[in-house]
Amino acid sequence: MAVFLYQVGEKMGLIEVQDLYYKYNDSEEWVLNGINLDIKDGEFLVIVGHNGSGKSTLAKMLNGLLVPNQGTVDVNGDKTSDRDKIWDIRQQVGMVFQNPDNQLVANIVEEDIAFGPENLGLESSEIRKRVDNSLKAVAMEEFKRYAPHNLSGGQKQRVAIAGVLAMQPKCLVLDEPTAMLDPVGRKSVMDAIQKLNKGLGMTIVHITHFMTEAIQADRIIVMEEGKIVLEGTPRDIFSQVDKIKEYHLDVPQVTELAFKLHQQGLKISPDIFDIDRLVNKLCYLK
C-alpha cells in the first residue's frame, strides 16, 4: 500500500515554523516577519491573504525551496536549513504550483507520473504501482495514456498532483492550484484535494484566494505584510466580516448576505457560509 494511504489517528506535529523571517536579496523589507506555525499530520490548512502578503513565500519555505534568514522550519524533525536533509524533506513535503503546464514533463500522462519514481531508481513494478495508485487518488486512471495537451486545465492540474503523490509525500502544499482554472476545473481539483485529505488522511496546505475553497479547511490563517494576523476555523474567521474586509479579502457571498441581514436586526447568525443553512434559517424566521 502506498505511504500516502495511511490512516490518521491523533494528529501529531508534522511541520513546525518558529520565528521565521525572510527577505529577498533585492529587498530591504521582510517578506516574512516573525511567522510561528504548527501544521499537524492529516490537517487541511488554508492560507489566504492579498497579493504580496507573503503566503507563496511561506509555502516555498515548507519544503526548503527557500531557506529562512532567521528562524527555523522543521519537517518531521529535520530542519530545512540542513541542506544534507533537503532531499528527505522534499520527499515528505510535495509542492504543486499555479500553472500545471509548467509541471508536466512527458508526452503521456502515465510517463509524467512515473518521472519522479524513475529518478529514485525504483523497480519497474514499484513504479507501476505508484503510477496506478496516484492516478486513482485523483480520479484520472482512464486518462493515463492521454497526451497532457489534450486534457483540460483541471485535468492537467490533477495530473500534476498525481506526479507529486507518486513520490509518496506526507504533506501536499498547493500554491493557488486553481487560480488559472474555470469553475468546473476548480471543482475537480478541490474534489481531488478533499479525497486526499478526508479520505486518505494526507496533510494539505492550500493557498487560495477563493473563499469558497477556504471554507473547506480545518483551519485558516490570514496573512498580511508577512505576518499571521488571524487564525482559526472557517467559522471563526468568516464570522469577522469587517475584519476580513480590512485585510482586502472577500468573504463567501452567503456569509456576507447573512452578515448584512444580521446587521438589519434579523435573528440570523453572521457566520453562515452554507446556502442551505441560510435558507433554512430564513424559512423559520418569525
C-alpha atoms as a PDB file:
ATOM      1  CA  MET A   1       0.000   0.000   0.000  1.00  0.00           C
ATOM      2  CA  ALA A   2       1.275   3.468  -0.853  1.00  0.00           C
ATOM      3  CA  VAL A   3       2.558   5.598   2.009  1.00  0.00           C
ATOM      4  CA  PHE A   4       0.026   8.332   1.284  1.00  0.00           C
ATOM      5  CA  LEU A   5      -2.830   5.952   2.070  1.00  0.00           C
ATOM      6  CA  TYR A   6      -2.036   5.902   5.790  1.00  0.00           C
ATOM      7  CA  GLN A   7      -4.800   6.355   8.328  1.00  0.00           C
ATOM      8  CA  VAL A   8      -4.596   9.276  10.732  1.00  0.00           C
ATOM      9  CA  GLY A   9      -5.396   8.849  14.387  1.00  0.00           C
ATOM     10  CA  GLU A  10      -4.434  11.545  16.873  1.00  0.00           C
ATOM     11  CA  LYS A  11      -2.942  14.435  14.940  1.00  0.00           C
ATOM     12  CA  MET A  12       0.750  14.936  15.611  1.00  0.00           C
ATOM     13  CA  GLY A  13       3.031  17.749  14.571  1.00  0.00           C
ATOM     14  CA  LEU A  14       4.434  17.425  11.057  1.00  0.00           C
ATOM     15  CA  ILE A  15       5.830  20.885  10.244  1.00  0.00           C
ATOM     16  CA  GLU A  16       6.890  23.446  12.842  1.00  0.00           C
ATOM     17  CA  VAL A  17       7.750  27.025  11.894  1.00  0.00           C
ATOM     18  CA  GLN A  18       9.413  29.148  14.579  1.00  0.00           C
ATOM     19  CA  ASP A  19      10.242  32.881  14.498  1.00  0.00           C
ATOM     20  CA  LEU A  20      10.551  32.814  10.709  1.00  0.00           C
ATOM     21  CA  TYR A  21      11.964  35.854   8.890  1.00  0.00           C
ATOM     22  CA  TYR A  22      12.799  36.130   5.212  1.00  0.00           C
ATOM     23  CA  LYS A  23      13.603  38.819   2.664  1.00  0.00           C
ATOM     24  CA  TYR A  24      14.692  38.588  -0.936  1.00  0.00           C
ATOM     25  CA  ASN A  25      18.152  39.808  -1.894  1.00  0.00           C
ATOM     26  CA  ASP A  26      16.902  42.943  -3.644  1.00  0.00           C
ATOM     27  CA  SER A  27      14.541  43.945  -0.827  1.00  0.00           C
ATOM     28  CA  GLU A  28      15.149  45.724   2.443  1.00  0.00           C
ATOM     29  CA  GLU A  29      11.743  44.716   3.819  1.00  0.00           C
ATOM     30  CA  TRP A  30      10.894  41.407   5.437  1.00  0.00           C
ATOM     31  CA  VAL A  31       8.596  39.336   3.220  1.00  0.00           C
ATOM     32  CA  LEU A  32       8.020  37.043   6.190  1.00  0.00           C
ATOM     33  CA  ASN A  33       8.090  38.809   9.511  1.00  0.00           C
ATOM     34  CA  GLY A  34       8.058  36.585  12.595  1.00  0.00           C
ATOM     35  CA  ILE A  35       5.938  33.605  11.499  1.00  0.00           C
ATOM     36  CA  ASN A  36       5.091  30.894  14.037  1.00  0.00           C
ATOM     37  CA  LEU A  37       3.021  27.989  12.771  1.00  0.00           C
ATOM     38  CA  ASP A  38       2.423  24.319  13.593  1.00  0.00           C
ATOM     39  CA  ILE A  39       0.936  22.041  10.940  1.00  0.00           C
ATOM     40  CA  LYS A  40      -0.485  18.745  12.155  1.00  0.00           C
ATOM     41  CA  ASP A  41      -0.482  15.346  10.493  1.00  0.00           C
ATOM     42  CA  GLY A  42      -3.710  14.955   8.496  1.00  0.00           C
ATOM     43  CA  GLU A  43      -4.715  18.615   8.797  1.00  0.00           C
ATOM     44  CA  PHE A  44      -6.296  20.640   5.987  1.00  0.00           C
ATOM     45  CA  LEU A  45      -4.814  24.120   6.380  1.00  0.00           C
ATOM     46  CA  VAL A  46      -5.725  27.025   4.088  1.00  0.00           C
ATOM     47  CA  ILE A  47      -3.589  30.160   3.813  1.00  0.00           C
ATOM     48  CA  VAL A  48      -5.196  33.343   2.475  1.00  0.00           C
ATOM     49  CA  GLY A  49      -4.002  36.906   2.042  1.00  0.00           C
ATOM     50  CA  HIS A  50      -3.935  39.569  -0.640  1.00  0.00           C
ATOM     51  CA  ASN A  51      -1.133  39.728  -3.200  1.00  0.00           C
ATOM     52  CA  GLY A  52       2.197  40.479  -1.539  1.00  0.00           C
ATOM     53  CA  SER A  53       1.148  39.242   1.901  1.00  0.00           C
ATOM     54  CA  GLY A  54       3.863  36.546   1.897  1.00  0.00           C
ATOM     55  CA  LYS A  55       1.734  33.417   1.545  1.00  0.00           C
ATOM     56  CA  SER A  56       3.536  31.984  -1.509  1.00  0.00           C
ATOM     57  CA  THR A  57       6.917  32.688   0.069  1.00  0.00           C
ATOM     58  CA  LEU A  58       5.792  30.819   3.176  1.00  0.00           C
ATOM     59  CA  ALA A  59       4.708  27.873   1.007  1.00  0.00           C
ATOM     60  CA  LYS A  60       8.175  27.648  -0.529  1.00  0.00           C
ATOM     61  CA  MET A  61       9.684  27.599   2.954  1.00  0.00           C
ATOM     62  CA  LEU A  62       7.770  24.455   3.888  1.00  0.00           C
ATOM     63  CA  ASN A  63       9.790  22.120   1.667  1.00  0.00           C
ATOM     64  CA  GLY A  64      13.052  24.028   1.579  1.00  0.00           C
ATOM     65  CA  LEU A  65      12.722  25.781  -1.784  1.00  0.00           C
ATOM     66  CA  LEU A  66      13.607  28.870   0.249  1.00  0.00           C
ATOM     67  CA  VAL A  67      15.643  28.925   3.466  1.00  0.00           C
ATOM     68  CA  PRO A  68      14.960  31.345   6.354  1.00  0.00           C
ATOM     69  CA  ASN A  69      17.185  34.327   7.026  1.00  0.00           C
ATOM     70  CA  GLN A  70      16.209  33.909  10.665  1.00  0.00           C
ATOM     71  CA  GLY A  71      14.212  31.246  12.494  1.00  0.00           C
ATOM     72  CA  THR A  72      13.593  27.619  11.576  1.00  0.00           C
ATOM     73  CA  VAL A  73      11.310  25.360   9.565  1.00  0.00           C
ATOM     74  CA  ASP A  74      11.291  21.831  10.965  1.00  0.00           C
ATOM     75  CA  VAL A  75       9.794  18.987   8.920  1.00  0.00           C
ATOM     76  CA  ASN A  76       9.283  15.833  10.931  1.00  0.00           C
ATOM     77  CA  GLY A  77      12.460  16.501  12.905  1.00  0.00           C
ATOM     78  CA  ASP A  78      14.632  17.808  10.057  1.00  0.00           C
ATOM     79  CA  LYS A  79      15.430  21.498   9.587  1.00  0.00           C
ATOM     80  CA  THR A  80      15.218  22.874   6.053  1.00  0.00           C
ATOM     81  CA  SER A  81      18.421  24.821   6.681  1.00  0.00           C
ATOM     82  CA  ASP A  82      20.271  21.473   6.867  1.00  0.00           C
ATOM     83  CA  ARG A  83      20.930  21.009   3.146  1.00  0.00           C
ATOM     84  CA  ASP A  84      22.072  17.420   3.740  1.00  0.00           C
ATOM     85  CA  LYS A  85      18.449  16.676   4.664  1.00  0.00           C
ATOM     86  CA  ILE A  86      16.788  18.604   1.838  1.00  0.00           C
ATOM     87  CA  TRP A  87      16.063  15.555  -0.342  1.00  0.00           C
ATOM     88  CA  ASP A  88      14.358  13.776   2.579  1.00  0.00           C
ATOM     89  CA  ILE A  89      12.351  16.920   3.320  1.00  0.00           C
ATOM     90  CA  ARG A  90      11.183  17.323  -0.278  1.00  0.00           C
ATOM     91  CA  GLN A  91      10.082  13.709  -0.380  1.00  0.00           C
ATOM     92  CA  GLN A  92       7.919  14.388   2.671  1.00  0.00           C
ATOM     93  CA  VAL A  93       6.526  17.752   1.528  1.00  0.00           C
ATOM     94  CA  GLY A  94       5.469  17.901  -2.123  1.00  0.00           C
ATOM     95  CA  MET A  95       4.689  21.142  -3.982  1.00  0.00           C
ATOM     96  CA  VAL A  96       2.071  21.885  -6.649  1.00  0.00           C
ATOM     97  CA  PHE A  97       2.083  25.295  -8.305  1.00  0.00           C
ATOM     98  CA  GLN A  98      -0.378  27.520 -10.118  1.00  0.00           C
ATOM     99  CA  ASN A  99       0.313  26.621 -13.747  1.00  0.00           C
ATOM    100  CA  PRO A 100       0.077  22.866 -14.444  1.00  0.00           C
ATOM    101  CA  ASP A 101       1.768  23.251 -17.843  1.00  0.00           C
ATOM    102  CA  ASN A 102       4.978  24.206 -16.044  1.00  0.00           C
ATOM    103  CA  GLN A 103       4.944  20.954 -14.055  1.00  0.00           C
ATOM    104  CA  LEU A 104       4.284  18.369 -16.777  1.00  0.00           C
ATOM    105  CA  VAL A 105       7.442  16.935 -18.317  1.00  0.00           C
ATOM    106  CA  ALA A 106       6.381  13.985 -20.504  1.00  0.00           C
ATOM    107  CA  ASN A 107       4.255  13.374 -23.590  1.00  0.00           C
ATOM    108  CA  ILE A 108       1.997  10.775 -21.975  1.00  0.00           C
ATOM    109  CA  VAL A 109       0.218  11.114 -18.614  1.00  0.00           C
ATOM    110  CA  GLU A 110       1.490   7.862 -17.092  1.00  0.00           C
ATOM    111  CA  GLU A 111       5.044   8.677 -18.184  1.00  0.00           C
ATOM    112  CA  ASP A 112       4.760  12.021 -16.438  1.00  0.00           C
ATOM    113  CA  ILE A 113       3.638  10.350 -13.206  1.00  0.00           C
ATOM    114  CA  ALA A 114       6.491   7.837 -13.476  1.00  0.00           C
ATOM    115  CA  PHE A 115       9.157  10.521 -13.922  1.00  0.00           C
ATOM    116  CA  GLY A 116       9.797  11.106 -10.209  1.00  0.00           C
ATOM    117  CA  PRO A 117       9.864   7.457  -9.115  1.00  0.00           C
ATOM    118  CA  GLU A 118      12.145   6.598 -12.044  1.00  0.00           C
ATOM    119  CA  ASN A 119      14.637   9.176 -10.792  1.00  0.00           C
ATOM    120  CA  LEU A 120      14.589   7.397  -7.441  1.00  0.00           C
ATOM    121  CA  GLY A 121      15.848   4.274  -9.223  1.00  0.00           C
ATOM    122  CA  LEU A 122      12.854   2.163  -8.161  1.00  0.00           C
ATOM    123  CA  GLU A 123      11.967  -1.215  -9.613  1.00  0.00           C
ATOM    124  CA  SER A 124       9.547  -1.104 -12.557  1.00  0.00           C
ATOM    125  CA  SER A 125       6.876  -2.976 -10.571  1.00  0.00           C
ATOM    126  CA  GLU A 126       7.031  -0.372  -7.783  1.00  0.00           C
ATOM    127  CA  ILE A 127       6.877   2.467 -10.309  1.00  0.00           C
ATOM    128  CA  ARG A 128       3.795   0.938 -11.942  1.00  0.00           C
ATOM    129  CA  LYS A 129       2.104   0.569  -8.562  1.00  0.00           C
ATOM    130  CA  ARG A 130       2.836   4.171  -7.669  1.00  0.00           C
ATOM    131  CA  VAL A 131       1.577   5.448 -11.021  1.00  0.00           C
ATOM    132  CA  ASP A 132      -1.663   3.481 -10.715  1.00  0.00           C
ATOM    133  CA  ASN A 133      -2.253   4.479  -7.083  1.00  0.00           C
ATOM    134  CA  SER A 134      -1.558   8.145  -7.772  1.00  0.00           C
ATOM    135  CA  LEU A 135      -3.857   8.336 -10.791  1.00  0.00           C
ATOM    136  CA  LYS A 136      -6.599   6.563  -8.846  1.00  0.00           C
ATOM    137  CA  ALA A 137      -6.231   9.018  -5.964  1.00  0.00           C
ATOM    138  CA  VAL A 138      -7.084  11.943  -8.269  1.00  0.00           C
ATOM    139  CA  ALA A 139      -9.630  10.036 -10.407  1.00  0.00           C
ATOM    140  CA  MET A 140      -7.524  10.164 -13.583  1.00  0.00           C
ATOM    141  CA  GLU A 141      -6.982   6.444 -14.248  1.00  0.00           C
ATOM    142  CA  GLU A 142      -8.819   6.482 -17.572  1.00  0.00           C
ATOM    143  CA  PHE A 143      -6.549   9.233 -18.904  1.00  0.00           C
ATOM    144  CA  LYS A 144      -3.230   7.517 -18.226  1.00  0.00           C
ATOM    145  CA  ARG A 145      -2.368   7.122 -21.915  1.00  0.00           C
ATOM    146  CA  TYR A 146      -3.543  10.594 -22.933  1.00  0.00           C
ATOM    147  CA  ALA A 147      -1.202  13.356 -24.051  1.00  0.00           C
ATOM    148  CA  PRO A 148      -1.312  16.135 -21.413  1.00  0.00           C
ATOM    149  CA  HIS A 149      -2.013  18.795 -24.066  1.00  0.00           C
ATOM    150  CA  ASN A 150      -5.326  17.048 -24.795  1.00  0.00           C
ATOM    151  CA  LEU A 151      -6.515  17.485 -21.208  1.00  0.00           C
ATOM    152  CA  SER A 152      -8.489  20.322 -19.665  1.00  0.00           C
ATOM    153  CA  GLY A 153      -6.839  22.677 -17.196  1.00  0.00           C
ATOM    154  CA  GLY A 154      -8.406  20.900 -14.223  1.00  0.00           C
ATOM    155  CA  GLN A 155      -7.324  17.512 -15.532  1.00  0.00           C
ATOM    156  CA  LYS A 156      -3.767  18.758 -16.072  1.00  0.00           C
ATOM    157  CA  GLN A 157      -3.640  20.029 -12.502  1.00  0.00           C
ATOM    158  CA  ARG A 158      -4.832  16.672 -11.201  1.00  0.00           C
ATOM    159  CA  VAL A 159      -2.060  15.001 -13.210  1.00  0.00           C
ATOM    160  CA  ALA A 160       0.428  17.435 -11.643  1.00  0.00           C
ATOM    161  CA  ILE A 161      -0.881  16.461  -8.200  1.00  0.00           C
ATOM    162  CA  ALA A 162      -0.606  12.769  -9.093  1.00  0.00           C
ATOM    163  CA  GLY A 163       3.015  13.307 -10.124  1.00  0.00           C
ATOM    164  CA  VAL A 164       3.759  14.613  -6.637  1.00  0.00           C
ATOM    165  CA  LEU A 165       1.768  11.810  -4.998  1.00  0.00           C
ATOM    166  CA  ALA A 166       3.921   9.239  -6.782  1.00  0.00           C
ATOM    167  CA  MET A 167       6.810  10.421  -4.614  1.00  0.00           C
ATOM    168  CA  GLN A 168       4.682   9.436  -1.591  1.00  0.00           C
ATOM    169  CA  PRO A 169       4.861  12.655   0.456  1.00  0.00           C
ATOM    170  CA  LYS A 170       3.219  13.070   3.843  1.00  0.00           C
ATOM    171  CA  CYS A 171       2.156  16.626   3.045  1.00  0.00           C
ATOM    172  CA  LEU A 172       0.957  18.321  -0.131  1.00  0.00           C
ATOM    173  CA  VAL A 173       1.476  22.090  -0.433  1.00  0.00           C
ATOM    174  CA  LEU A 174      -0.603  23.695  -3.181  1.00  0.00           C
ATOM    175  CA  ASP A 175       0.174  27.272  -4.192  1.00  0.00           C
ATOM    176  CA  GLU A 176      -3.026  28.604  -5.799  1.00  0.00           C
ATOM    177  CA  PRO A 177      -3.524  25.466  -7.918  1.00  0.00           C
ATOM    178  CA  THR A 178      -6.979  26.560  -9.110  1.00  0.00           C
ATOM    179  CA  ALA A 179      -6.168  30.195  -9.955  1.00  0.00           C
ATOM    180  CA  MET A 180      -5.976  29.563 -13.714  1.00  0.00           C
ATOM    181  CA  LEU A 181      -8.945  27.181 -13.910  1.00  0.00           C
ATOM    182  CA  ASP A 182     -12.611  27.640 -14.763  1.00  0.00           C
ATOM    183  CA  PRO A 183     -15.275  26.722 -12.158  1.00  0.00           C
ATOM    184  CA  VAL A 184     -15.557  23.137 -13.436  1.00  0.00           C
ATOM    185  CA  GLY A 185     -11.791  22.682 -13.285  1.00  0.00           C
ATOM    186  CA  ARG A 186     -11.618  24.237  -9.809  1.00  0.00           C
ATOM    187  CA  LYS A 187     -14.271  21.853  -8.515  1.00  0.00           C
ATOM    188  CA  SER A 188     -12.492  18.810  -9.952  1.00  0.00           C
ATOM    189  CA  VAL A 189      -9.225  19.802  -8.280  1.00  0.00           C
ATOM    190  CA  MET A 190     -10.906  20.591  -4.956  1.00  0.00           C
ATOM    191  CA  ASP A 191     -12.735  17.244  -5.047  1.00  0.00           C
ATOM    192  CA  ALA A 192      -9.366  15.528  -5.510  1.00  0.00           C
ATOM    193  CA  ILE A 193      -7.825  17.525  -2.647  1.00  0.00           C
ATOM    194  CA  GLN A 194     -10.736  16.674  -0.348  1.00  0.00           C
ATOM    195  CA  LYS A 195     -10.368  12.988  -1.205  1.00  0.00           C
ATOM    196  CA  LEU A 196      -6.669  13.075  -0.389  1.00  0.00           C
ATOM    197  CA  ASN A 197      -7.316  14.762   2.944  1.00  0.00           C
ATOM    198  CA  LYS A 198     -10.597  13.362   4.245  1.00  0.00           C
ATOM    199  CA  GLY A 199     -10.449  10.009   2.505  1.00  0.00           C
ATOM    200  CA  LEU A 200      -6.743   9.174   2.622  1.00  0.00           C
ATOM    201  CA  GLY A 201      -5.532  11.240   5.583  1.00  0.00           C
ATOM    202  CA  MET A 202      -2.953  13.353   3.739  1.00  0.00           C
ATOM    203  CA  THR A 203      -1.862  16.686   5.204  1.00  0.00           C
ATOM    204  CA  ILE A 204      -2.883  19.554   2.923  1.00  0.00           C
ATOM    205  CA  VAL A 205      -1.609  23.147   2.890  1.00  0.00           C
ATOM    206  CA  HIS A 206      -3.701  25.015   0.343  1.00  0.00           C
ATOM    207  CA  ILE A 207      -3.062  28.621  -0.688  1.00  0.00           C
ATOM    208  CA  THR A 208      -6.026  30.227  -2.401  1.00  0.00           C
ATOM    209  CA  HIS A 209      -7.866  33.478  -2.990  1.00  0.00           C
ATOM    210  CA  PHE A 210     -11.192  31.678  -3.465  1.00  0.00           C
ATOM    211  CA  MET A 211     -13.076  31.860  -0.170  1.00  0.00           C
ATOM    212  CA  THR A 212     -15.415  29.070  -1.262  1.00  0.00           C
ATOM    213  CA  GLU A 213     -12.332  26.836  -1.168  1.00  0.00           C
ATOM    214  CA  ALA A 214     -11.149  28.212   2.159  1.00  0.00           C
ATOM    215  CA  ILE A 215     -14.357  27.202   3.937  1.00  0.00           C
ATOM    216  CA  GLN A 216     -13.498  23.532   3.291  1.00  0.00           C
ATOM    217  CA  ALA A 217     -10.448  23.704   5.571  1.00  0.00           C
ATOM    218  CA  ASP A 218      -9.961  22.538   9.142  1.00  0.00           C
ATOM    219  CA  ARG A 219      -8.096  25.774   9.858  1.00  0.00           C
ATOM    220  CA  ILE A 220      -7.460  29.062   8.066  1.00  0.00           C
ATOM    221  CA  ILE A 221      -4.636  31.515   8.571  1.00  0.00           C
ATOM    222  CA  VAL A 222      -4.827  35.045   7.187  1.00  0.00           C
ATOM    223  CA  MET A 223      -1.565  36.770   6.258  1.00  0.00           C
ATOM    224  CA  GLU A 224      -0.864  40.495   6.000  1.00  0.00           C
ATOM    225  CA  GLU A 225       2.549  42.126   5.462  1.00  0.00           C
ATOM    226  CA  GLY A 226       4.397  38.884   6.170  1.00  0.00           C
ATOM    227  CA  LYS A 227       2.579  38.157   9.429  1.00  0.00           C
ATOM    228  CA  ILE A 228      -0.226  35.867  10.530  1.00  0.00           C
ATOM    229  CA  VAL A 229      -2.976  38.268  11.589  1.00  0.00           C
ATOM    230  CA  LEU A 230      -5.918  35.878  12.002  1.00  0.00           C
ATOM    231  CA  GLU A 231      -6.098  32.143  12.675  1.00  0.00           C
ATOM    232  CA  GLY A 232      -8.977  29.809  13.371  1.00  0.00           C
ATOM    233  CA  THR A 233     -11.661  27.561  11.958  1.00  0.00           C
ATOM    234  CA  PRO A 234     -13.583  28.773   8.910  1.00  0.00           C
ATOM    235  CA  ARG A 235     -16.463  29.739  11.197  1.00  0.00           C
ATOM    236  CA  ASP A 236     -14.095  31.663  13.487  1.00  0.00           C
ATOM    237  CA  ILE A 237     -12.582  33.541  10.555  1.00  0.00           C
ATOM    238  CA  PHE A 238     -15.660  34.333   8.487  1.00  0.00           C
ATOM    239  CA  SER A 239     -17.683  35.496  11.463  1.00  0.00           C
ATOM    240  CA  GLN A 240     -15.326  38.520  11.433  1.00  0.00           C
ATOM    241  CA  VAL A 241     -16.622  40.009   8.185  1.00  0.00           C
ATOM    242  CA  ASP A 242     -15.471  43.570   8.875  1.00  0.00           C
ATOM    243  CA  LYS A 243     -12.006  42.368   9.908  1.00  0.00           C
ATOM    244  CA  ILE A 244     -11.658  40.219   6.785  1.00  0.00           C
ATOM    245  CA  LYS A 245     -12.533  43.213   4.606  1.00  0.00           C
ATOM    246  CA  GLU A 246      -9.923  45.320   6.434  1.00  0.00           C
ATOM    247  CA  TYR A 247      -7.349  42.909   5.036  1.00  0.00           C
ATOM    248  CA  HIS A 248      -8.732  43.425   1.497  1.00  0.00           C
ATOM    249  CA  LEU A 249     -10.188  39.933   1.291  1.00  0.00           C
ATOM    250  CA  ASP A 250     -13.606  38.692   0.246  1.00  0.00           C
ATOM    251  CA  VAL A 251     -15.957  36.555   2.264  1.00  0.00           C
ATOM    252  CA  PRO A 252     -18.264  33.906   0.796  1.00  0.00           C
ATOM    253  CA  GLN A 253     -21.307  35.617  -0.716  1.00  0.00           C
ATOM    254  CA  VAL A 254     -23.725  33.736   1.508  1.00  0.00           C
ATOM    255  CA  THR A 255     -21.758  34.837   4.582  1.00  0.00           C
ATOM    256  CA  GLU A 256     -21.849  38.478   3.510  1.00  0.00           C
ATOM    257  CA  LEU A 257     -25.610  38.253   2.972  1.00  0.00           C
ATOM    258  CA  ALA A 258     -26.099  36.660   6.413  1.00  0.00           C
ATOM    259  CA  PHE A 259     -23.915  39.375   7.961  1.00  0.00           C
ATOM    260  CA  LYS A 260     -25.961  42.161   6.344  1.00  0.00           C
ATOM    261  CA  LEU A 261     -29.234  40.569   7.423  1.00  0.00           C
ATOM    262  CA  HIS A 262     -27.851  40.308  10.952  1.00  0.00           C
ATOM    263  CA  GLN A 263     -26.929  43.997  10.850  1.00  0.00           C
ATOM    264  CA  GLN A 264     -30.520  44.803   9.863  1.00  0.00           C
ATOM    265  CA  GLY A 265     -31.723  43.175  13.064  1.00  0.00           C
ATOM    266  CA  LEU A 266     -32.803  39.754  11.765  1.00  0.00           C
ATOM    267  CA  LYS A 267     -32.072  36.797  14.006  1.00  0.00           C
ATOM    268  CA  ILE A 268     -29.523  35.368  11.597  1.00  0.00           C
ATOM    269  CA  SER A 269     -26.084  34.221  12.691  1.00  0.00           C
ATOM    270  CA  PRO A 270     -23.408  36.273  10.874  1.00  0.00           C
ATOM    271  CA  ASP A 271     -21.105  33.254  10.434  1.00  0.00           C
ATOM    272  CA  ILE A 272     -23.166  31.210   7.967  1.00  0.00           C
ATOM    273  CA  PHE A 273     -21.352  30.017   4.847  1.00  0.00           C
ATOM    274  CA  ASP A 274     -23.717  27.317   3.660  1.00  0.00           C
ATOM    275  CA  ILE A 275     -26.597  28.435   1.405  1.00  0.00           C
ATOM    276  CA  ASP A 276     -28.927  25.651   2.554  1.00  0.00           C
ATOM    277  CA  ARG A 277     -28.423  26.641   6.185  1.00  0.00           C
ATOM    278  CA  LEU A 278     -29.198  30.290   5.404  1.00  0.00           C
ATOM    279  CA  VAL A 279     -32.366  29.362   3.505  1.00  0.00           C
ATOM    280  CA  ASN A 280     -33.433  27.140   6.382  1.00  0.00           C
ATOM    281  CA  LYS A 281     -32.901  29.988   8.886  1.00  0.00           C
ATOM    282  CA  LEU A 282     -34.867  32.423   6.734  1.00  0.00           C
ATOM    283  CA  CYS A 283     -37.741  29.981   6.345  1.00  0.00           C
ATOM    284  CA  TYR A 284     -38.177  29.711  10.112  1.00  0.00           C
ATOM    285  CA  LEU A 285     -37.906  33.407  10.950  1.00  0.00           C
ATOM    286  CA  LYS A 286     -40.950  34.798  12.735  1.00  0.00           C
END
